[in-house]
Amino acid sequence: MLQRYRSRLSGPLLDRIDLHIEVPRVPHKDLTDQSPAEDSATIRQRVNQARTIQRDRLTPLRPARQQPDAGAAYPPLLQTG
């Protein structure tokens, strides 16, 4: 089955895919499981924490013009003419 799918993809397209992994099938009972899931508020909190961690980690690598307060140290431009 996988070989049939791959034969439908063109070579140039496959050349652009850097990562190839095999993913096992998920049993139907796992897809239809009615166990309680996380609520949106819990997921939102976890996402916000991850964003904060990434922002704090990557801030030193950002160019100065992308820093939130980059222009605060400069006086406003003068209007001429």
C-alpha atoms as a PDB file:
ATOM      1  CA  MET A   1       0.000   0.000   0.000  1.00  0.00           C
ATOM      2  CA  LEU A   2       2.796   2.444   0.885  1.00  0.00           C
ATOM      3  CA  GLN A   3       4.587   1.715  -2.357  1.00  0.00           C
ATOM      4  CA  ARG A   4       1.401   2.474  -4.323  1.00  0.00           C
ATOM      5  CA  TYR A   5       1.086   5.839  -2.534  1.00  0.00           C
ATOM      6  CA  ARG A   6       4.745   6.717  -3.099  1.00  0.00           C
ATOM      7  CA  SER A   7       4.450   5.909  -6.790  1.00  0.00           C
ATOM      8  CA  ARG A   8       1.821   8.672  -7.066  1.00  0.00           C
ATOM      9  CA  LEU A   9       4.238  11.295  -5.737  1.00  0.00           C
ATOM     10  CA  SER A  10       6.650  12.824  -8.204  1.00  0.00           C
ATOM     11  CA  GLY A  11      10.398  12.560  -7.713  1.00  0.00           C
ATOM     12  CA  PRO A  12      10.948  16.354  -7.427  1.00  0.00           C
ATOM     13  CA  LEU A  13       8.320  16.533  -4.687  1.00  0.00           C
ATOM     14  CA  LEU A  14       9.891  13.659  -2.758  1.00  0.00           C
ATOM     15  CA  ASP A  15      13.293  15.370  -3.080  1.00  0.00           C
ATOM     16  CA  ARG A  16      11.921  18.306  -1.069  1.00  0.00           C
ATOM     17  CA  ILE A  17      10.876  16.119   1.865  1.00  0.00           C
ATOM     18  CA  ASP A  18      13.723  15.889   4.352  1.00  0.00           C
ATOM     19  CA  LEU A  19      12.146  13.657   6.962  1.00  0.00           C
ATOM     20  CA  HIS A  20      10.523  10.302   6.285  1.00  0.00           C
ATOM     21  CA  ILE A  21       8.937   8.381   9.136  1.00  0.00           C
ATOM     22  CA  GLU A  22       6.613   5.445   9.328  1.00  0.00           C
ATOM     23  CA  VAL A  23       3.568   5.901  11.527  1.00  0.00           C
ATOM     24  CA  PRO A  24       1.704   2.824  12.731  1.00  0.00           C
ATOM     25  CA  ARG A  25      -2.035   2.589  12.302  1.00  0.00           C
ATOM     26  CA  VAL A  26      -4.131   3.694  15.264  1.00  0.00           C
ATOM     27  CA  PRO A  27      -6.678   1.083  16.359  1.00  0.00           C
ATOM     28  CA  HIS A  28     -10.293   2.126  15.830  1.00  0.00           C
ATOM     29  CA  LYS A  29     -11.110   1.688  19.526  1.00  0.00           C
ATOM     30  CA  ASP A  30      -8.449   4.270  20.392  1.00  0.00           C
ATOM     31  CA  LEU A  31      -9.994   6.779  17.987  1.00  0.00           C
ATOM     32  CA  THR A  32     -13.492   6.312  19.352  1.00  0.00           C
ATOM     33  CA  ASP A  33     -12.519   6.276  23.035  1.00  0.00           C
ATOM     34  CA  GLN A  34     -14.893   8.474  25.038  1.00  0.00           C
ATOM     35  CA  SER A  35     -12.589   9.060  28.012  1.00  0.00           C
ATOM     36  CA  PRO A  36     -12.530  12.655  29.261  1.00  0.00           C
ATOM     37  CA  ALA A  37     -10.099  14.913  27.437  1.00  0.00           C
ATOM     38  CA  GLU A  38      -8.302  18.022  28.644  1.00  0.00           C
ATOM     39  CA  ASP A  39     -10.409  21.145  28.654  1.00  0.00           C
ATOM     40  CA  SER A  40      -9.490  24.155  26.517  1.00  0.00           C
ATOM     41  CA  ALA A  41      -8.402  26.272  29.494  1.00  0.00           C
ATOM     42  CA  THR A  42      -5.787  23.691  30.536  1.00  0.00           C
ATOM     43  CA  ILE A  43      -4.438  23.398  27.002  1.00  0.00           C
ATOM     44  CA  ARG A  44      -4.399  27.211  26.603  1.00  0.00           C
ATOM     45  CA  GLN A  45      -2.382  27.549  29.822  1.00  0.00           C
ATOM     46  CA  ARG A  46       0.160  24.972  28.649  1.00  0.00           C
ATOM     47  CA  VAL A  47       0.482  26.672  25.231  1.00  0.00           C
ATOM     48  CA  ASN A  48       0.975  30.091  26.837  1.00  0.00           C
ATOM     49  CA  GLN A  49       3.674  28.694  29.121  1.00  0.00           C
ATOM     50  CA  ALA A  50       5.468  27.190  26.116  1.00  0.00           C
ATOM     51  CA  ARG A  51       5.257  30.496  24.229  1.00  0.00           C
ATOM     52  CA  THR A  52       6.688  32.380  27.200  1.00  0.00           C
ATOM     53  CA  ILE A  53       9.577  29.928  27.505  1.00  0.00           C
ATOM     54  CA  GLN A  54      10.345  30.216  23.775  1.00  0.00           C
ATOM     55  CA  ARG A  55      10.099  34.020  23.780  1.00  0.00           C
ATOM     56  CA  ASP A  56      12.460  34.269  26.767  1.00  0.00           C
ATOM     57  CA  ARG A  57      14.853  31.775  25.211  1.00  0.00           C
ATOM     58  CA  LEU A  58      14.943  33.402  21.764  1.00  0.00           C
ATOM     59  CA  THR A  59      14.827  37.110  22.715  1.00  0.00           C
ATOM     60  CA  PRO A  60      18.635  37.481  22.878  1.00  0.00           C
ATOM     61  CA  LEU A  61      18.885  36.144  19.311  1.00  0.00           C
ATOM     62  CA  ARG A  62      16.438  38.631  17.783  1.00  0.00           C
ATOM     63  CA  PRO A  63      17.856  41.589  15.854  1.00  0.00           C
ATOM     64  CA  ALA A  64      17.562  44.898  17.721  1.00  0.00           C
ATOM     65  CA  ARG A  65      14.908  46.256  15.332  1.00  0.00           C
ATOM     66  CA  GLN A  66      12.609  43.382  16.311  1.00  0.00           C
ATOM     67  CA  GLN A  67      12.973  43.946  20.050  1.00  0.00           C
ATOM     68  CA  PRO A  68       9.780  45.374  21.563  1.00  0.00           C
ATOM     69  CA  ASP A  69      11.510  48.453  23.029  1.00  0.00           C
ATOM     70  CA  ALA A  70      14.203  48.937  20.385  1.00  0.00           C
ATOM     71  CA  GLY A  71      13.108  52.481  19.486  1.00  0.00           C
ATOM     72  CA  ALA A  72      12.706  53.700  23.056  1.00  0.00           C
ATOM     73  CA  ALA A  73      16.366  54.756  23.328  1.00  0.00           C
ATOM     74  CA  TYR A  74      16.210  57.035  20.292  1.00  0.00           C
ATOM     75  CA  PRO A  75      14.647  60.523  20.265  1.00  0.00           C
ATOM     76  CA  PRO A  76      11.719  61.067  17.922  1.00  0.00           C
ATOM     77  CA  LEU A  77      12.525  62.173  14.380  1.00  0.00           C
ATOM     78  CA  LEU A  78      12.304  65.898  13.670  1.00  0.00           C
ATOM     79  CA  GLN A  79       9.836  67.099  11.078  1.00  0.00           C
ATOM     80  CA  THR A  80      11.497  69.303   8.443  1.00  0.00           C
ATOM     81  CA  GLY A  81      10.107  71.464   5.688  1.00  0.00           C
END
